[in-house]
Amino acid sequence: MPLSRITLSSGRSIELTELRMSTTYGGMLEGYPCRRVNDMKVSGLLRRAEDGFSFAPVHLVPPSREYPDQTAGAFGPVEVLPSVACVGVFGSAAVDPELDAVLHRSTLVVAWFQAAPDVPSDENADLALRGIRWEELAKDYEL
């Protein structure tokens, strides 16, 4: 049973079957969120997704970046990512229409950032998450 279902902008329905969440800035002892730190956060999330789910292709939804009106420090202006880092495994019908729909599915691992620790679903899934180009990114597999 899926954790949730999302209808993509293309009309395809995908199911979230596994979700890992963590705080974006958890463990940050010194410094402040800036482009350099955030680039490391994004690449680290992508690397964790690739290492943790090597059976499927991984896609990163580029995160939004906010620039609060705060004094810049030694590493440049303050730049803030959404507070929750997510990696999810999504499944759907096969991409290749030639494959038997009963015996084949498609899968994609997605890494993204979101504002709250909510399971994304049709009602609350971010537009960037719903905009995934499934047919180009997902991989078909046999059950």
C-alpha atoms as a PDB file:
ATOM      1  CA  MET A   1       0.000   0.000   0.000  1.00  0.00           C
ATOM      2  CA  PRO A   2       1.506   3.368  -1.000  1.00  0.00           C
ATOM      3  CA  LEU A   3       2.131   6.184   1.454  1.00  0.00           C
ATOM      4  CA  SER A   4       0.466   8.602  -0.979  1.00  0.00           C
ATOM      5  CA  ARG A   5      -0.423   9.223  -4.592  1.00  0.00           C
ATOM      6  CA  ILE A   6       0.477  12.249  -6.688  1.00  0.00           C
ATOM      7  CA  THR A   7      -0.852  13.208 -10.086  1.00  0.00           C
ATOM      8  CA  LEU A   8       1.941  14.744 -12.113  1.00  0.00           C
ATOM      9  CA  SER A   9       1.419  17.734 -14.399  1.00  0.00           C
ATOM     10  CA  SER A  10       1.559  15.271 -17.308  1.00  0.00           C
ATOM     11  CA  GLY A  11      -1.487  13.457 -15.881  1.00  0.00           C
ATOM     12  CA  ARG A  12       0.449  10.360 -14.822  1.00  0.00           C
ATOM     13  CA  SER A  13      -0.351   9.013 -11.369  1.00  0.00           C
ATOM     14  CA  ILE A  14       2.639   7.997  -9.235  1.00  0.00           C
ATOM     15  CA  GLU A  15       2.763   6.284  -5.846  1.00  0.00           C
ATOM     16  CA  LEU A  16       5.154   7.096  -3.019  1.00  0.00           C
ATOM     17  CA  THR A  17       6.314   3.785  -1.515  1.00  0.00           C
ATOM     18  CA  GLU A  18       9.206   4.897   0.701  1.00  0.00           C
ATOM     19  CA  LEU A  19      10.098   8.248   2.220  1.00  0.00           C
ATOM     20  CA  ARG A  20      13.109   9.416   4.197  1.00  0.00           C
ATOM     21  CA  MET A  21      13.078  12.859   5.793  1.00  0.00           C
ATOM     22  CA  SER A  22      15.690  14.805   7.697  1.00  0.00           C
ATOM     23  CA  THR A  23      16.160  18.357   8.853  1.00  0.00           C
ATOM     24  CA  THR A  24      18.077  20.419   6.325  1.00  0.00           C
ATOM     25  CA  TYR A  25      20.332  22.157   8.833  1.00  0.00           C
ATOM     26  CA  GLY A  26      20.456  19.528  11.573  1.00  0.00           C
ATOM     27  CA  GLY A  27      23.927  19.239  13.066  1.00  0.00           C
ATOM     28  CA  MET A  28      25.089  22.613  11.771  1.00  0.00           C
ATOM     29  CA  LEU A  29      27.240  23.726  14.703  1.00  0.00           C
ATOM     30  CA  GLU A  30      28.878  26.829  13.286  1.00  0.00           C
ATOM     31  CA  GLY A  31      28.382  29.253  10.468  1.00  0.00           C
ATOM     32  CA  TYR A  32      25.166  30.179   8.767  1.00  0.00           C
ATOM     33  CA  PRO A  33      23.222  28.977   5.733  1.00  0.00           C
ATOM     34  CA  CYS A  34      24.817  30.408   2.596  1.00  0.00           C
ATOM     35  CA  ARG A  35      25.257  29.294  -1.011  1.00  0.00           C
ATOM     36  CA  ARG A  36      28.389  27.258  -0.269  1.00  0.00           C
ATOM     37  CA  VAL A  37      26.777  25.392   2.655  1.00  0.00           C
ATOM     38  CA  ASN A  38      23.554  24.877   0.707  1.00  0.00           C
ATOM     39  CA  ASP A  39      25.363  23.507  -2.353  1.00  0.00           C
ATOM     40  CA  MET A  40      26.950  20.928  -0.032  1.00  0.00           C
ATOM     41  CA  LYS A  41      23.539  20.128   1.504  1.00  0.00           C
ATOM     42  CA  VAL A  42      22.009  19.592  -1.945  1.00  0.00           C
ATOM     43  CA  SER A  43      24.880  17.459  -3.256  1.00  0.00           C
ATOM     44  CA  GLY A  44      24.902  15.451  -0.008  1.00  0.00           C
ATOM     45  CA  LEU A  45      21.173  14.699  -0.306  1.00  0.00           C
ATOM     46  CA  LEU A  46      21.652  13.619  -3.918  1.00  0.00           C
ATOM     47  CA  ARG A  47      24.595  11.392  -2.962  1.00  0.00           C
ATOM     48  CA  ARG A  48      22.576   9.763  -0.131  1.00  0.00           C
ATOM     49  CA  ALA A  49      19.759   9.059  -2.581  1.00  0.00           C
ATOM     50  CA  GLU A  50      22.134   7.505  -5.116  1.00  0.00           C
ATOM     51  CA  ASP A  51      23.929   5.412  -2.483  1.00  0.00           C
ATOM     52  CA  GLY A  52      20.762   4.316  -0.698  1.00  0.00           C
ATOM     53  CA  PHE A  53      18.748   3.406  -3.781  1.00  0.00           C
ATOM     54  CA  SER A  54      21.163   2.179  -6.442  1.00  0.00           C
ATOM     55  CA  PHE A  55      18.435   0.064  -8.092  1.00  0.00           C
ATOM     56  CA  ALA A  56      16.738   3.058  -9.713  1.00  0.00           C
ATOM     57  CA  PRO A  57      17.587   6.356 -11.374  1.00  0.00           C
ATOM     58  CA  VAL A  58      17.723   9.377  -9.072  1.00  0.00           C
ATOM     59  CA  HIS A  59      16.327  12.810  -9.839  1.00  0.00           C
ATOM     60  CA  LEU A  60      16.895  16.009  -7.863  1.00  0.00           C
ATOM     61  CA  VAL A  61      14.118  18.585  -7.777  1.00  0.00           C
ATOM     62  CA  PRO A  62      16.079  21.857  -7.554  1.00  0.00           C
ATOM     63  CA  PRO A  63      15.257  23.502  -4.226  1.00  0.00           C
ATOM     64  CA  SER A  64      13.933  26.996  -3.769  1.00  0.00           C
ATOM     65  CA  ARG A  65      16.405  29.358  -2.121  1.00  0.00           C
ATOM     66  CA  GLU A  66      15.369  32.322  -0.023  1.00  0.00           C
ATOM     67  CA  TYR A  67      17.484  35.348   0.798  1.00  0.00           C
ATOM     68  CA  PRO A  68      16.302  36.912   4.055  1.00  0.00           C
ATOM     69  CA  ASP A  69      17.217  40.514   4.738  1.00  0.00           C
ATOM     70  CA  GLN A  70      20.164  39.736   7.018  1.00  0.00           C
ATOM     71  CA  THR A  71      23.707  41.026   7.069  1.00  0.00           C
ATOM     72  CA  ALA A  72      26.059  38.996   4.892  1.00  0.00           C
ATOM     73  CA  GLY A  73      28.851  37.171   6.666  1.00  0.00           C
ATOM     74  CA  ALA A  74      32.287  36.029   5.574  1.00  0.00           C
ATOM     75  CA  PHE A  75      30.793  33.499   3.131  1.00  0.00           C
ATOM     76  CA  GLY A  76      28.396  35.894   1.449  1.00  0.00           C
ATOM     77  CA  PRO A  77      24.688  36.550   1.808  1.00  0.00           C
ATOM     78  CA  VAL A  78      22.420  34.390   3.942  1.00  0.00           C
ATOM     79  CA  GLU A  79      20.634  31.838   1.759  1.00  0.00           C
ATOM     80  CA  VAL A  80      18.035  29.459   3.209  1.00  0.00           C
ATOM     81  CA  LEU A  81      16.738  26.162   1.835  1.00  0.00           C
ATOM     82  CA  PRO A  82      13.384  24.669   2.883  1.00  0.00           C
ATOM     83  CA  SER A  83      13.709  23.045   6.308  1.00  0.00           C
ATOM     84  CA  VAL A  84      13.078  19.384   5.393  1.00  0.00           C
ATOM     85  CA  ALA A  85      15.272  17.298   3.069  1.00  0.00           C
ATOM     86  CA  CYS A  86      13.457  14.336   1.480  1.00  0.00           C
ATOM     87  CA  VAL A  87      14.269  11.234  -0.531  1.00  0.00           C
ATOM     88  CA  GLY A  88      11.345   9.244  -1.860  1.00  0.00           C
ATOM     89  CA  VAL A  89      10.879   6.135  -3.959  1.00  0.00           C
ATOM     90  CA  PHE A  90       8.038   6.502  -6.448  1.00  0.00           C
ATOM     91  CA  GLY A  91       6.430   3.906  -8.685  1.00  0.00           C
ATOM     92  CA  SER A  92       3.992   3.991 -11.569  1.00  0.00           C
ATOM     93  CA  ALA A  93       2.844   2.083 -14.623  1.00  0.00           C
ATOM     94  CA  ALA A  94       5.535   1.166 -17.139  1.00  0.00           C
ATOM     95  CA  VAL A  95       6.816   3.990 -19.323  1.00  0.00           C
ATOM     96  CA  ASP A  96       7.181   1.801 -22.417  1.00  0.00           C
ATOM     97  CA  PRO A  97       3.683   1.164 -23.811  1.00  0.00           C
ATOM     98  CA  GLU A  98       4.940  -2.054 -25.436  1.00  0.00           C
ATOM     99  CA  LEU A  99       5.488  -3.694 -22.037  1.00  0.00           C
ATOM    100  CA  ASP A 100       2.814  -5.796 -20.372  1.00  0.00           C
ATOM    101  CA  ALA A 101       1.065  -3.550 -17.833  1.00  0.00           C
ATOM    102  CA  VAL A 102       0.536  -6.476 -15.445  1.00  0.00           C
ATOM    103  CA  LEU A 103       4.184  -7.551 -15.410  1.00  0.00           C
ATOM    104  CA  HIS A 104       5.984  -4.202 -15.588  1.00  0.00           C
ATOM    105  CA  ARG A 105       6.197  -1.003 -13.545  1.00  0.00           C
ATOM    106  CA  SER A 106       8.451   2.032 -13.552  1.00  0.00           C
ATOM    107  CA  THR A 107      10.356   3.577 -10.677  1.00  0.00           C
ATOM    108  CA  LEU A 108      12.212   6.752  -9.843  1.00  0.00           C
ATOM    109  CA  VAL A 109      13.981   7.944  -6.716  1.00  0.00           C
ATOM    110  CA  VAL A 110      13.458  11.645  -6.102  1.00  0.00           C
ATOM    111  CA  ALA A 111      15.381  13.989  -3.797  1.00  0.00           C
ATOM    112  CA  TRP A 112      13.770  17.303  -2.859  1.00  0.00           C
ATOM    113  CA  PHE A 113      13.393  19.891  -0.101  1.00  0.00           C
ATOM    114  CA  GLN A 114      10.100  21.028   1.417  1.00  0.00           C
ATOM    115  CA  ALA A 115       8.939  23.414   4.119  1.00  0.00           C
ATOM    116  CA  ALA A 116       7.196  20.978   6.489  1.00  0.00           C
ATOM    117  CA  PRO A 117       7.529  17.302   7.460  1.00  0.00           C
ATOM    118  CA  ASP A 118       4.366  16.313   5.579  1.00  0.00           C
ATOM    119  CA  VAL A 119       3.973  13.347   3.247  1.00  0.00           C
ATOM    120  CA  PRO A 120       3.414  14.895  -0.187  1.00  0.00           C
ATOM    121  CA  SER A 121       0.124  13.985  -1.832  1.00  0.00           C
ATOM    122  CA  ASP A 122      -2.087  15.455  -4.522  1.00  0.00           C
ATOM    123  CA  GLU A 123      -3.435  18.017  -2.070  1.00  0.00           C
ATOM    124  CA  ASN A 124      -0.110  19.347  -0.843  1.00  0.00           C
ATOM    125  CA  ALA A 125       2.615  18.233  -3.279  1.00  0.00           C
ATOM    126  CA  ASP A 126       4.848  21.067  -4.411  1.00  0.00           C
ATOM    127  CA  LEU A 127       4.477  22.175  -8.037  1.00  0.00           C
ATOM    128  CA  ALA A 128       8.127  21.339  -8.723  1.00  0.00           C
ATOM    129  CA  LEU A 129       7.561  17.788  -7.446  1.00  0.00           C
ATOM    130  CA  ARG A 130       4.424  17.417  -9.587  1.00  0.00           C
ATOM    131  CA  GLY A 131       6.389  18.693 -12.589  1.00  0.00           C
ATOM    132  CA  ILE A 132       8.743  15.690 -12.742  1.00  0.00           C
ATOM    133  CA  ARG A 133       9.223  14.481 -16.323  1.00  0.00           C
ATOM    134  CA  TRP A 134       8.511  10.839 -15.465  1.00  0.00           C
ATOM    135  CA  GLU A 135       8.625   9.477 -19.005  1.00  0.00           C
ATOM    136  CA  GLU A 136      12.168  10.831 -19.474  1.00  0.00           C
ATOM    137  CA  LEU A 137      13.574   9.975 -16.043  1.00  0.00           C
ATOM    138  CA  ALA A 138      11.976   6.772 -14.722  1.00  0.00           C
ATOM    139  CA  LYS A 139      13.169   3.237 -15.393  1.00  0.00           C
ATOM    140  CA  ASP A 140      10.938   0.285 -16.271  1.00  0.00           C
ATOM    141  CA  TYR A 141      11.402  -3.032 -14.503  1.00  0.00           C
ATOM    142  CA  GLU A 142       9.781  -6.451 -14.478  1.00  0.00           C
ATOM    143  CA  LEU A 143       7.862  -7.552 -11.384  1.00  0.00           C
END
